[in-house]
Amino acid sequence: MFFLHCLTDPFSPKPLLRTLFGLVLLVLTQVARADEPTVSILEPKSGATVSSPFKVRLAAHAMTTEPAGRAVAGTGHHHLLINHGPVAKGKLIPRDDSHLHLDQGQSETTLSLPPGHYKLTDQFADGEEHSYGHMMSHGINLTVK
C-alpha cells in the first residue's frame, strides 16, 4: 500500500507520518514493558546440562532485592523452587526441601541435585514470604548429569 501510494503521490507525507507514528507507539510500548517488575534466572540457561554442585544466579528487574523480615513496597527476595511452578500471588511460599528461601537477599546460590531432569523456578516474594505471583517468576529446565 505504501509503495502504491508513493507511486501515485510521491510527495505526500501521510505514509511517512503513519510509519513514524507506528514506530513511536512500538517504542513507547517497549519502554513501558521495560519498567515492569520481572525476575530471571541468569545462570544456568534453560536446556543446560550441568554437573552437581552448580551455581544458580538470579536477578530482579524494577524491584529491589532485600532480606526477608517485613513487607516493603517495591522490594522482595528470591525463592528457588525445584520441580514446582509459580506460587499464586499472595500465597505463602512453603518451607521445605523443594522451596529454597534466599532470605538474606541473596541472588546466587549453589545447588547439589542427583542426576535427572529438573525444572527450576525463581519466585520473588515480599519480606513476609507472600508470593508476587506468576508475573514475578521465571522457570527453566535443565539436566543434572
Protein backbone atom coordinates (compact mmCIF):
# COMPACT_ATOMS: atom_id res chain seq x y z
CA MET A 1 0.00 0.00 0.00
CA PHE A 2 2.77 2.43 0.93
CA PHE A 3 4.58 1.62 -2.30
CA LEU A 4 1.47 2.16 -4.45
CA HIS A 5 0.66 5.42 -2.70
CA CYS A 6 4.19 6.69 -3.23
CA LEU A 7 3.88 5.90 -6.94
CA THR A 8 0.69 7.95 -7.26
CA ASP A 9 1.77 10.79 -4.94
CA PRO A 10 5.46 10.56 -4.09
CA PHE A 11 5.40 13.86 -2.17
CA SER A 12 2.58 13.00 0.24
CA PRO A 13 3.75 12.92 3.89
CA LYS A 14 0.86 10.68 5.08
CA PRO A 15 2.57 7.27 4.65
CA LEU A 16 5.71 8.53 6.33
CA LEU A 17 3.73 10.04 9.21
CA ARG A 18 1.79 6.79 9.70
CA THR A 19 5.03 4.82 9.75
CA LEU A 20 6.63 7.22 12.24
CA PHE A 21 3.54 7.14 14.45
CA GLY A 22 3.61 3.33 14.46
CA LEU A 23 7.30 3.30 15.40
CA VAL A 24 6.70 5.76 18.26
CA LEU A 25 3.90 3.56 19.62
CA LEU A 26 6.13 0.49 19.39
CA VAL A 27 8.97 2.21 21.27
CA LEU A 28 6.62 3.51 23.99
CA THR A 29 5.16 0.03 24.45
CA GLN A 30 8.63 -1.47 24.84
CA VAL A 31 9.69 1.22 27.33
CA ALA A 32 6.58 0.56 29.43
CA ARG A 33 7.37 -3.16 29.47
CA ALA A 34 10.99 -2.50 30.49
CA ASP A 35 9.73 -0.84 33.69
CA GLU A 36 7.52 -3.79 34.66
CA PRO A 37 8.95 -5.83 37.55
CA THR A 38 10.28 -9.24 36.50
CA VAL A 39 12.78 -11.84 37.64
CA SER A 40 15.11 -14.05 35.67
CA ILE A 41 17.45 -16.97 36.10
CA LEU A 42 20.74 -15.78 34.62
CA GLU A 43 22.65 -19.00 35.14
CA PRO A 44 22.33 -21.79 34.17
CA LYS A 45 20.49 -21.25 30.89
CA SER A 46 17.34 -23.22 30.13
CA GLY A 47 18.17 -26.55 28.49
CA ALA A 48 21.64 -26.70 30.04
CA THR A 49 23.30 -29.89 31.23
CA VAL A 50 25.20 -29.30 34.48
CA SER A 51 27.25 -31.26 36.99
CA SER A 52 26.38 -31.12 40.67
CA PRO A 53 27.08 -28.90 42.52
CA PHE A 54 26.25 -25.98 40.22
CA LYS A 55 25.78 -22.25 40.63
CA VAL A 56 22.39 -20.58 40.16
CA ARG A 57 22.35 -16.80 39.61
CA LEU A 58 19.08 -14.84 39.83
CA ALA A 59 18.09 -11.26 39.03
CA ALA A 60 15.19 -8.96 39.83
CA HIS A 61 14.34 -6.14 37.45
CA ALA A 62 12.46 -2.98 38.51
CA MET A 63 12.35 -4.28 42.11
CA THR A 64 14.85 -4.06 44.97
CA THR A 65 16.16 -7.28 46.49
CA GLU A 66 16.25 -7.10 50.29
CA PRO A 67 16.38 -9.63 53.13
CA ALA A 68 13.12 -11.09 54.41
CA GLY A 69 11.55 -9.66 57.52
CA ARG A 70 9.00 -7.03 56.66
CA ALA A 71 6.93 -6.23 53.58
CA VAL A 72 8.07 -3.01 51.90
CA ALA A 73 6.56 -1.90 48.59
CA GLY A 74 8.87 -2.42 45.62
CA THR A 75 11.09 -4.92 47.46
CA GLY A 76 11.33 -8.64 47.98
CA HIS A 77 13.63 -11.63 47.83
CA HIS A 78 14.16 -14.75 45.73
CA HIS A 79 13.00 -18.31 46.28
CA LEU A 80 14.29 -21.15 44.18
CA LEU A 81 11.64 -23.81 43.57
CA ILE A 82 12.72 -27.26 42.46
CA ASN A 83 10.20 -29.05 40.22
CA HIS A 84 7.44 -26.57 41.05
CA GLY A 85 5.77 -23.83 39.03
CA PRO A 86 4.95 -20.33 40.30
CA VAL A 87 3.21 -19.82 43.62
CA ALA A 88 -0.09 -17.91 43.34
CA LYS A 89 0.01 -14.19 44.16
CA GLY A 90 -0.45 -13.54 47.88
CA LYS A 91 0.15 -17.17 48.92
CA LEU A 92 2.91 -18.02 51.39
CA ILE A 93 5.95 -19.76 49.92
CA PRO A 94 6.17 -23.23 51.55
CA ARG A 95 9.24 -24.08 53.63
CA ASP A 96 10.56 -27.47 52.55
CA ASP A 97 13.46 -29.05 50.64
CA SER A 98 11.99 -28.13 47.25
CA HIS A 99 11.29 -24.44 48.09
CA LEU A 100 14.62 -22.79 48.91
CA HIS A 101 14.30 -19.41 50.64
CA LEU A 102 17.07 -16.92 49.93
CA ASP A 103 16.01 -14.89 52.96
CA GLN A 104 19.22 -12.89 53.29
CA GLY A 105 18.59 -11.17 49.97
CA GLN A 106 20.98 -13.41 48.02
CA SER A 107 20.85 -13.51 44.25
CA GLU A 108 23.15 -16.51 43.94
CA THR A 109 23.27 -19.98 45.45
CA THR A 110 24.84 -23.38 44.82
CA LEU A 111 22.65 -26.44 44.31
CA SER A 112 23.54 -30.10 44.66
CA LEU A 113 20.99 -32.34 42.96
CA PRO A 114 21.17 -36.00 41.96
CA PRO A 115 21.28 -36.80 38.23
CA GLY A 116 17.99 -36.20 36.42
CA HIS A 117 15.78 -33.66 34.69
CA TYR A 118 14.61 -30.66 36.70
CA LYS A 119 12.50 -27.54 36.47
CA LEU A 120 13.85 -24.59 38.47
CA THR A 121 11.61 -21.61 39.18
CA ASP A 122 12.73 -18.29 40.59
CA GLN A 123 9.79 -16.95 42.62
CA PHE A 124 10.01 -13.44 44.06
CA ALA A 125 8.08 -12.72 47.26
CA ASP A 126 7.67 -9.88 49.72
CA GLY A 127 9.50 -9.68 53.04
CA GLU A 128 6.78 -11.69 54.77
CA GLU A 129 7.07 -14.60 52.27
CA HIS A 130 3.92 -13.78 50.24
CA SER A 131 4.42 -14.57 46.56
CA TYR A 132 4.21 -11.83 43.94
CA GLY A 133 2.71 -14.47 41.64
CA HIS A 134 3.49 -15.70 38.16
CA MET A 135 4.45 -12.24 36.86
CA MET A 136 7.42 -12.29 39.23
CA SER A 137 8.60 -15.81 38.45
CA HIS A 138 10.82 -17.36 35.81
CA GLY A 139 11.35 -21.04 35.12
CA ILE A 140 13.97 -23.08 33.30
CA ASN A 141 14.51 -26.76 32.57
CA LEU A 142 17.87 -28.41 32.99
CA THR A 143 19.56 -31.78 33.25
CA VAL A 144 21.96 -32.78 36.01
CA LYS A 145 24.41 -35.41 34.79
